[in-house]
Amino acid sequence: METSEKEQAKDGAKTNGDAAAAPSKEAHPHRDSGKAIVSMQGVSKTFYRGKEPVPVLDNLDLEIAEGAFEALMGPSGSGKSTLLNLIAGLDRPTRGQARVAGSNLTDMNDAELAKFRSRTIGFIFQQYNLMPVLTALENVELPLLLTKLSGSERKKRAQTALRVVGLENRMTHYPRQLSGGQEQRVAIARAIVNDPTIIVADEPTGDLDRKNADEILSLLEKLNTEFKKTIVMVTHDPAAAERATVTRRLDKGALT
């Protein structure tokens, strides 16, 4: 596995228990720095239905600048979520090269990909995937249980993440006591509690009404502009795509 000098230093800090830092305004480069944080060359992805190949992505080239806020649009089945999964290290390309945040994901084994995800990627999904028996604070703290942080430090960082998303008054509430928009905010706090370099968001406003969707999009803009997070968002919503700085379209596995 290859890593940049920046990632090596970052990884060294995280193995000492600093991986779960709350979002930092200083630790990340400026928005749209021009340096590619995602670089894919000739990437194809094929799944199999029994023995029948099902091509999803076809010889795709993609570069995303560090600090960008990009939206991926396209019809159902066009490969948007597959591309997002490749960026996030949830899957590997069938062919081609995928480099993300200085790491070559193509040849990583499962353990290496898991380590990459834990230190680099924050996940936001359409379904909030909160644990109903845990409070908002406990849900946000979950990713930190795999670190060497003390219980008090985990709680402190989870509290900081919830303050960032505007839920400092809902920390002890359970998911059933929250609105859909508030649940998504908890999910976003959970995604940023490890201070990821890249946030991948798959239809983050798909289950929300327009008012709550706009609030979530404003929060994503804040994470991008103030906290310098690179954001890649899959959406079917043109209003959501307009909030991104770049919109790309996928059709039949190819960027158009």
Protein backbone atom coordinates (compact mmCIF):
# COMPACT_ATOMS: atom_id res chain seq x y z
CA MET A 1 0.00 0.00 0.00
CA GLU A 2 1.35 3.42 -0.94
CA THR A 3 0.76 6.52 1.13
CA SER A 4 1.83 10.14 0.80
CA GLU A 5 4.10 11.74 3.38
CA LYS A 6 1.08 13.65 4.66
CA GLU A 7 -0.88 10.42 5.18
CA GLN A 8 2.07 8.69 6.82
CA ALA A 9 2.30 11.48 9.37
CA LYS A 10 -1.45 11.49 9.82
CA ASP A 11 -1.57 7.71 10.20
CA GLY A 12 1.18 7.80 12.78
CA ALA A 13 -0.78 10.28 14.86
CA LYS A 14 -3.93 8.24 14.58
CA THR A 15 -2.32 5.04 15.73
CA ASN A 16 -1.46 6.94 18.89
CA GLY A 17 -5.12 7.53 19.56
CA ASP A 18 -5.67 10.79 17.66
CA ALA A 19 -7.72 9.33 14.82
CA ALA A 20 -11.01 10.42 16.27
CA ALA A 21 -10.30 14.13 16.40
CA ALA A 22 -13.32 16.36 15.97
CA PRO A 23 -13.46 18.23 12.64
CA SER A 24 -10.51 20.56 12.33
CA LYS A 25 -10.55 23.82 10.42
CA GLU A 26 -6.77 23.95 10.23
CA ALA A 27 -5.80 20.35 9.48
CA HIS A 28 -7.05 20.20 5.91
CA PRO A 29 -6.11 22.07 2.72
CA HIS A 30 -8.11 24.91 1.25
CA ARG A 31 -11.20 24.22 -0.79
CA ASP A 32 -10.56 23.28 -4.42
CA SER A 33 -6.80 23.35 -3.96
CA GLY A 34 -6.31 21.87 -7.43
CA LYS A 35 -4.53 18.79 -6.10
CA ALA A 36 -6.43 15.62 -6.97
CA ILE A 37 -7.59 13.73 -3.88
CA VAL A 38 -9.41 11.15 -6.06
CA SER A 39 -7.76 9.88 -9.21
CA MET A 40 -9.17 7.00 -11.27
CA GLN A 41 -7.78 5.79 -14.57
CA GLY A 42 -9.49 3.25 -16.80
CA VAL A 43 -11.70 2.01 -13.98
CA SER A 44 -14.25 -0.66 -14.82
CA LYS A 45 -16.49 -2.59 -12.47
CA THR A 46 -18.33 -5.78 -13.36
CA PHE A 47 -20.65 -7.76 -11.11
CA TYR A 48 -21.91 -11.26 -11.79
CA ARG A 49 -25.43 -12.59 -11.75
CA GLY A 50 -24.61 -16.27 -11.53
CA LYS A 51 -22.13 -16.69 -14.35
CA GLU A 52 -23.49 -13.76 -16.33
CA PRO A 53 -21.32 -10.61 -16.20
CA VAL A 54 -23.12 -7.35 -15.45
CA PRO A 55 -20.88 -4.39 -16.36
CA VAL A 56 -21.61 -1.29 -14.26
CA LEU A 57 -18.67 1.07 -14.86
CA ASP A 58 -16.81 1.15 -18.15
CA ASN A 59 -13.24 2.46 -18.53
CA LEU A 60 -13.94 5.49 -16.36
CA ASP A 61 -11.43 8.31 -15.77
CA LEU A 62 -12.09 10.69 -12.88
CA GLU A 63 -10.23 13.31 -10.89
CA ILE A 64 -11.71 15.15 -7.91
CA ALA A 65 -9.82 18.08 -6.44
CA GLU A 66 -8.95 18.22 -2.78
CA GLY A 67 -11.53 20.35 -0.97
CA ALA A 68 -14.20 20.04 -3.66
CA PHE A 69 -17.94 19.50 -3.12
CA GLU A 70 -19.09 17.32 -6.01
CA ALA A 71 -22.47 15.86 -6.91
CA LEU A 72 -22.95 12.67 -8.94
CA MET A 73 -26.22 12.47 -10.84
CA GLY A 74 -27.70 10.00 -13.29
CA PRO A 75 -30.57 7.53 -13.75
CA SER A 76 -31.00 4.51 -11.53
CA GLY A 77 -28.54 1.80 -12.49
CA SER A 78 -26.06 4.25 -14.01
CA GLY A 79 -23.30 3.30 -11.54
CA LYS A 80 -23.40 6.26 -9.14
CA SER A 81 -23.42 4.26 -5.91
CA THR A 82 -20.87 1.81 -7.33
CA LEU A 83 -18.51 4.70 -8.09
CA LEU A 84 -19.08 6.11 -4.60
CA ASN A 85 -18.26 2.70 -3.09
CA LEU A 86 -15.01 2.56 -5.06
CA ILE A 87 -14.01 6.02 -3.83
CA ALA A 88 -14.84 5.00 -0.26
CA GLY A 89 -12.87 1.75 -0.40
CA LEU A 90 -15.98 -0.37 0.08
CA ASP A 91 -15.19 -2.18 -3.16
CA ARG A 92 -12.36 -2.63 -5.64
CA PRO A 93 -12.38 -1.99 -9.39
CA THR A 94 -12.42 -4.98 -11.72
CA ARG A 95 -9.88 -3.18 -13.91
CA GLY A 96 -8.00 0.11 -13.73
CA GLN A 97 -6.34 2.11 -10.98
CA ALA A 98 -8.03 3.94 -8.09
CA ARG A 99 -6.02 6.30 -5.90
CA VAL A 100 -7.76 8.13 -3.06
CA ALA A 101 -6.09 10.48 -0.56
CA GLY A 102 -2.66 9.27 -1.63
CA SER A 103 -3.44 5.56 -1.27
CA ASN A 104 -3.66 3.03 -4.09
CA LEU A 105 -6.87 1.13 -3.32
CA THR A 106 -6.65 -1.27 -6.23
CA ASP A 107 -4.36 -3.84 -4.65
CA MET A 108 -5.30 -3.44 -0.99
CA ASN A 109 -6.50 -6.44 0.97
CA ASP A 110 -9.60 -6.29 3.16
CA ALA A 111 -7.71 -5.30 6.31
CA GLU A 112 -5.90 -2.50 4.51
CA LEU A 113 -9.14 -1.20 3.03
CA ALA A 114 -10.79 -1.24 6.46
CA LYS A 115 -7.91 0.79 7.90
CA PHE A 116 -8.11 3.21 4.98
CA ARG A 117 -11.85 3.73 5.51
CA SER A 118 -11.53 4.26 9.24
CA ARG A 119 -8.96 7.01 8.91
CA THR A 120 -10.04 8.67 5.66
CA ILE A 121 -13.77 8.30 4.92
CA GLY A 122 -16.94 9.54 6.60
CA PHE A 123 -20.18 7.89 5.46
CA ILE A 124 -23.62 9.49 5.18
CA PHE A 125 -26.54 7.48 3.79
CA GLN A 126 -30.19 8.01 2.92
CA GLN A 127 -31.14 5.66 5.75
CA TYR A 128 -29.68 7.10 8.92
CA ASN A 129 -28.67 3.67 10.33
CA LEU A 130 -28.85 4.84 13.92
CA MET A 131 -29.07 2.34 16.79
CA PRO A 132 -32.53 2.88 18.31
CA VAL A 133 -31.44 1.82 21.82
CA LEU A 134 -28.61 4.37 21.93
CA THR A 135 -28.80 8.11 22.53
CA ALA A 136 -27.58 10.59 19.94
CA LEU A 137 -24.31 10.93 21.85
CA GLU A 138 -23.84 7.16 22.07
CA ASN A 139 -24.59 6.74 18.35
CA VAL A 140 -21.96 9.31 17.44
CA GLU A 141 -19.45 7.73 19.79
CA LEU A 142 -19.77 4.29 18.16
CA PRO A 143 -16.91 4.67 15.60
CA LEU A 144 -14.58 5.72 18.42
CA LEU A 145 -14.99 2.44 20.27
CA LEU A 146 -12.44 0.92 17.90
CA THR A 147 -9.80 3.48 18.86
CA LYS A 148 -7.51 3.66 21.87
CA LEU A 149 -9.20 6.78 23.18
CA SER A 150 -10.37 6.86 26.78
CA GLY A 151 -14.07 6.93 27.55
CA SER A 152 -13.93 10.59 28.57
CA GLU A 153 -12.10 11.56 25.37
CA ARG A 154 -14.58 9.64 23.22
CA LYS A 155 -17.46 11.44 24.90
CA LYS A 156 -15.78 14.82 24.48
CA ARG A 157 -15.23 14.29 20.76
CA ALA A 158 -18.77 13.01 20.21
CA GLN A 159 -20.11 16.09 21.99
CA THR A 160 -17.99 18.32 19.76
CA ALA A 161 -19.32 16.63 16.61
CA LEU A 162 -22.91 17.07 17.78
CA ARG A 163 -22.26 20.75 18.47
CA VAL A 164 -20.91 21.15 14.93
CA VAL A 165 -24.22 19.86 13.51
CA GLY A 166 -26.30 21.98 15.89
CA LEU A 167 -27.58 19.25 18.20
CA GLU A 168 -25.95 20.22 21.47
CA ASN A 169 -29.43 20.21 23.07
CA ARG A 170 -30.35 16.73 21.79
CA MET A 171 -27.39 14.66 22.96
CA THR A 172 -29.39 12.50 25.36
CA HIS A 173 -32.34 11.98 23.00
CA TYR A 174 -33.01 8.62 21.36
CA PRO A 175 -33.66 8.39 17.60
CA ARG A 176 -37.41 7.95 18.17
CA GLN A 177 -37.40 11.34 19.91
CA LEU A 178 -35.84 13.12 16.93
CA SER A 179 -37.19 14.38 13.64
CA GLY A 180 -35.90 12.96 10.37
CA GLY A 181 -33.71 16.00 9.85
CA GLN A 182 -32.29 15.66 13.35
CA GLU A 183 -31.61 11.97 12.83
CA GLN A 184 -29.66 12.80 9.68
CA ARG A 185 -27.69 15.40 11.64
CA VAL A 186 -26.77 12.72 14.17
CA ALA A 187 -25.66 10.51 11.27
CA ILE A 188 -23.53 13.36 9.94
CA ALA A 189 -22.00 13.91 13.38
CA ARG A 190 -21.14 10.21 13.46
CA ALA A 191 -19.56 10.54 10.01
CA ILE A 192 -17.29 13.42 11.04
CA VAL A 193 -16.34 12.32 14.56
CA ASN A 194 -13.16 10.63 13.25
CA ASP A 195 -12.22 13.82 11.36
CA PRO A 196 -12.26 12.14 7.92
CA THR A 197 -10.56 13.61 4.88
CA ILE A 198 -13.45 12.75 2.53
CA ILE A 199 -17.19 12.57 3.18
CA VAL A 200 -19.20 10.33 0.85
CA ALA A 201 -22.94 10.92 0.92
CA ASP A 202 -25.38 8.59 -0.84
CA GLU A 203 -28.75 10.36 -1.26
CA PRO A 204 -28.35 12.17 2.09
CA THR A 205 -31.60 14.14 1.61
CA GLY A 206 -33.64 11.40 -0.08
CA ASP A 207 -35.95 10.81 2.91
CA LEU A 208 -36.36 14.45 3.91
CA ASP A 209 -38.83 17.20 3.07
CA ARG A 210 -37.54 20.31 1.30
CA LYS A 211 -36.97 22.35 4.48
CA ASN A 212 -34.99 19.62 6.24
CA ALA A 213 -33.17 18.75 3.02
CA ASP A 214 -32.05 22.37 2.62
CA GLU A 215 -30.81 22.41 6.22
CA ILE A 216 -28.77 19.26 5.66
CA LEU A 217 -27.33 20.68 2.44
CA SER A 218 -26.38 23.88 4.26
CA LEU A 219 -24.61 21.75 6.85
CA LEU A 220 -22.69 19.92 4.12
CA GLU A 221 -21.70 23.28 2.65
CA LYS A 222 -20.45 24.33 6.09
CA LEU A 223 -18.36 21.16 6.41
CA ASN A 224 -16.91 21.88 2.98
CA THR A 225 -16.20 25.60 3.33
CA GLU A 226 -15.38 25.94 7.03
CA PHE A 227 -13.89 22.55 7.82
CA LYS A 228 -12.35 21.94 4.38
CA LYS A 229 -13.87 18.51 3.89
CA THR A 230 -13.93 17.03 0.40
CA ILE A 231 -17.52 15.88 -0.23
CA VAL A 232 -18.77 13.51 -2.93
CA MET A 233 -22.56 13.25 -2.96
CA VAL A 234 -24.83 10.99 -5.00
CA THR A 235 -28.25 12.55 -5.55
CA HIS A 236 -31.29 12.43 -7.79
CA ASP A 237 -32.35 15.90 -6.59
CA PRO A 238 -31.39 18.80 -8.90
CA ALA A 239 -31.84 21.23 -6.00
CA ALA A 240 -29.28 19.26 -3.99
CA ALA A 241 -26.86 19.09 -6.92
CA GLU A 242 -27.03 22.87 -7.27
CA ARG A 243 -25.51 23.24 -3.81
CA ALA A 244 -22.36 21.40 -4.94
CA THR A 245 -19.55 23.23 -6.71
CA VAL A 246 -19.24 20.56 -9.42
CA THR A 247 -21.93 18.29 -10.88
CA ARG A 248 -21.01 15.16 -12.84
CA ARG A 249 -23.42 12.87 -14.66
CA LEU A 250 -23.17 9.14 -15.10
CA ASP A 251 -25.04 7.24 -17.78
CA LYS A 252 -24.61 3.53 -18.47
CA GLY A 253 -21.40 3.43 -16.50
CA ALA A 254 -19.70 6.35 -18.22
CA LEU A 255 -19.27 9.99 -17.26
CA THR A 256 -21.03 12.33 -19.68
